[in-house]
């Protein structure tokens, strides 16, 4: 294999249909750089750690309920996606997940439910807005999907 060739998904323990094109580095407003990539089943522990660090208010604004700990069923649902009708991306700094953006298409396939969950420490630094713009551009080739956020309106910063 050439030095600049990407390893196959099997070599990285990634799902076969993992959309490598969705990966990017994003410069946040404070100058830090987050790596954005599609979620994988291997992110289960990182999702639990991320959730455990969130404030009660952030958890409530994302889930509309005071969920102290994610269930195994929820973690599985969040990390096992098909990258088409259900997809999610994570932003990481070093190995820590600092944000999650996801969508789930509804019965009307032109509409999807969208959700963002950004680490309390990184809120207001531009990741949610910039990642959504980048993601929407990358998804246009697969058809337009109308969407709306599934979070309280006051979360936009």
Protein backbone atom coordinates (compact mmCIF):
# COMPACT_ATOMS: atom_id res chain seq x y z
CA UNK A 1 0.00 0.00 0.00
CA UNK A 2 1.28 3.46 -0.90
CA UNK A 3 2.14 5.80 1.97
CA UNK A 4 -0.65 8.23 1.03
CA UNK A 5 -3.35 5.60 0.45
CA UNK A 6 -6.09 5.33 3.04
CA UNK A 7 -6.36 1.97 4.78
CA UNK A 8 -9.51 0.03 3.96
CA UNK A 9 -12.38 0.18 6.48
CA UNK A 10 -11.54 -3.42 7.49
CA UNK A 11 -8.04 -2.35 8.51
CA UNK A 12 -9.42 0.46 10.67
CA UNK A 13 -12.29 -1.61 12.08
CA UNK A 14 -14.76 0.77 10.43
CA UNK A 15 -18.14 -0.12 8.96
CA UNK A 16 -17.86 -1.06 5.29
CA UNK A 17 -19.92 1.94 4.14
CA UNK A 18 -18.07 4.44 6.37
CA UNK A 19 -18.16 7.81 4.52
CA UNK A 20 -14.52 8.91 4.66
CA UNK A 21 -15.45 12.06 2.69
CA UNK A 22 -17.29 13.37 5.76
CA UNK A 23 -14.04 13.67 7.72
CA UNK A 24 -12.60 17.16 8.15
CA UNK A 25 -10.68 19.35 10.54
CA UNK A 26 -12.59 22.42 11.73
CA UNK A 27 -11.03 25.51 13.30
CA UNK A 28 -13.19 26.73 16.18
CA UNK A 29 -13.66 30.38 17.12
CA UNK A 30 -11.04 30.09 19.87
CA UNK A 31 -8.46 28.76 17.38
CA UNK A 32 -8.57 25.15 18.55
CA UNK A 33 -8.97 22.47 15.89
CA UNK A 34 -11.56 19.72 16.11
CA UNK A 35 -11.52 16.61 13.93
CA UNK A 36 -14.99 15.84 12.56
CA UNK A 37 -15.82 12.33 11.40
CA UNK A 38 -18.72 9.92 11.07
CA UNK A 39 -19.70 8.09 14.24
CA UNK A 40 -18.81 4.40 14.54
CA UNK A 41 -19.81 1.56 16.86
CA UNK A 42 -16.40 2.01 18.49
CA UNK A 43 -17.52 5.38 19.86
CA UNK A 44 -19.79 3.81 22.51
CA UNK A 45 -17.44 4.47 25.46
CA UNK A 46 -16.66 7.97 24.20
CA UNK A 47 -20.38 8.76 23.96
CA UNK A 48 -20.89 7.63 27.56
CA UNK A 49 -17.95 9.75 28.77
CA UNK A 50 -19.19 12.74 26.76
CA UNK A 51 -22.70 12.43 28.23
CA UNK A 52 -21.33 12.03 31.76
CA UNK A 53 -19.48 15.36 31.45
CA UNK A 54 -22.52 17.32 30.26
CA UNK A 55 -24.38 19.65 32.61
CA UNK A 56 -27.94 18.83 33.63
CA UNK A 57 -29.11 21.79 31.56
CA UNK A 58 -27.33 20.63 28.39
CA UNK A 59 -28.72 17.12 28.80
CA UNK A 60 -32.22 18.50 29.26
CA UNK A 61 -31.92 20.81 26.24
CA UNK A 62 -30.83 17.88 24.07
CA UNK A 63 -33.13 15.11 25.32
CA UNK A 64 -36.00 17.12 26.89
CA UNK A 65 -35.52 14.95 29.98
CA UNK A 66 -33.01 14.68 32.86
CA UNK A 67 -31.20 11.55 31.62
CA UNK A 68 -28.33 10.95 34.04
CA UNK A 69 -26.93 7.92 32.23
CA UNK A 70 -27.47 6.66 28.68
CA UNK A 71 -28.93 3.17 28.41
CA UNK A 72 -27.13 0.44 26.47
CA UNK A 73 -30.02 0.54 23.98
CA UNK A 74 -29.58 4.29 23.42
CA UNK A 75 -25.80 4.04 23.03
CA UNK A 76 -26.25 1.25 20.48
CA UNK A 77 -28.84 3.27 18.56
CA UNK A 78 -26.60 6.35 18.58
CA UNK A 79 -23.48 4.52 17.40
CA UNK A 80 -24.97 2.08 14.87
CA UNK A 81 -26.11 4.06 11.86
CA UNK A 82 -26.36 3.34 8.14
CA UNK A 83 -24.89 6.73 7.06
CA UNK A 84 -27.94 7.25 4.86
CA UNK A 85 -31.33 7.29 6.56
CA UNK A 86 -29.62 7.55 9.97
CA UNK A 87 -26.28 9.24 10.33
CA UNK A 88 -24.16 11.02 12.90
CA UNK A 89 -20.86 12.82 13.07
CA UNK A 90 -18.68 13.47 16.08
CA UNK A 91 -16.18 16.23 16.70
CA UNK A 92 -13.10 15.24 18.65
CA UNK A 93 -10.16 17.03 20.16
CA UNK A 94 -7.41 14.55 20.85
CA UNK A 95 -9.47 11.44 21.67
CA UNK A 96 -12.30 13.26 23.47
CA UNK A 97 -15.69 13.67 21.82
CA UNK A 98 -16.68 17.33 22.11
CA UNK A 99 -19.78 17.30 19.94
CA UNK A 100 -22.29 15.08 18.18
CA UNK A 101 -24.59 15.98 15.28
CA UNK A 102 -27.10 13.48 13.94
CA UNK A 103 -30.08 13.10 11.71
CA UNK A 104 -32.76 10.46 11.30
CA UNK A 105 -34.95 10.54 8.21
CA UNK A 106 -38.64 10.44 8.91
CA UNK A 107 -41.31 8.50 7.04
CA UNK A 108 -41.36 11.29 4.45
CA UNK A 109 -37.80 10.72 3.21
CA UNK A 110 -37.40 14.38 2.26
CA UNK A 111 -37.55 15.30 5.96
CA UNK A 112 -35.18 14.40 8.78
CA UNK A 113 -35.02 15.03 12.50
CA UNK A 114 -31.74 16.73 13.41
CA UNK A 115 -30.04 16.97 16.80
CA UNK A 116 -26.85 18.55 18.09
CA UNK A 117 -25.14 17.97 21.41
CA UNK A 118 -22.04 20.02 22.08
CA UNK A 119 -19.80 19.83 25.13
CA UNK A 120 -20.55 22.58 27.62
CA UNK A 121 -16.94 23.75 27.35
CA UNK A 122 -17.13 24.08 23.53
CA UNK A 123 -20.58 25.64 23.22
CA UNK A 124 -20.59 28.95 21.40
CA UNK A 125 -17.32 28.22 19.58
CA UNK A 126 -18.92 27.58 16.20
CA UNK A 127 -18.70 23.82 15.81
CA UNK A 128 -22.43 23.16 15.55
CA UNK A 129 -23.07 25.79 12.91
CA UNK A 130 -19.96 25.07 10.82
CA UNK A 131 -20.37 21.30 10.98
CA UNK A 132 -24.00 21.50 9.91
CA UNK A 133 -23.08 23.67 6.90
CA UNK A 134 -20.29 21.32 5.87
CA UNK A 135 -22.42 18.23 6.40
CA UNK A 136 -25.35 19.60 4.41
CA UNK A 137 -23.03 20.41 1.49
CA UNK A 138 -21.59 16.88 1.55
CA UNK A 139 -25.10 15.36 1.71
CA UNK A 140 -26.53 17.36 -1.22
CA UNK A 141 -25.15 14.83 -3.69
CA UNK A 142 -27.40 12.23 -2.07
CA UNK A 143 -30.57 14.31 -2.34
CA UNK A 144 -31.94 17.25 -0.43
CA UNK A 145 -33.19 16.61 3.07
CA UNK A 146 -35.30 19.23 4.81
CA UNK A 147 -34.70 19.29 8.54
CA UNK A 148 -35.30 20.96 11.84
CA UNK A 149 -33.35 20.73 15.07
CA UNK A 150 -34.65 18.56 17.88
CA UNK A 151 -33.50 20.80 20.66
CA UNK A 152 -34.86 23.84 22.37
CA UNK A 153 -34.59 27.00 20.22
CA UNK A 154 -32.54 28.79 22.88
CA UNK A 155 -29.59 26.41 22.33
CA UNK A 156 -28.39 28.26 19.19
CA UNK A 157 -25.44 30.45 20.17
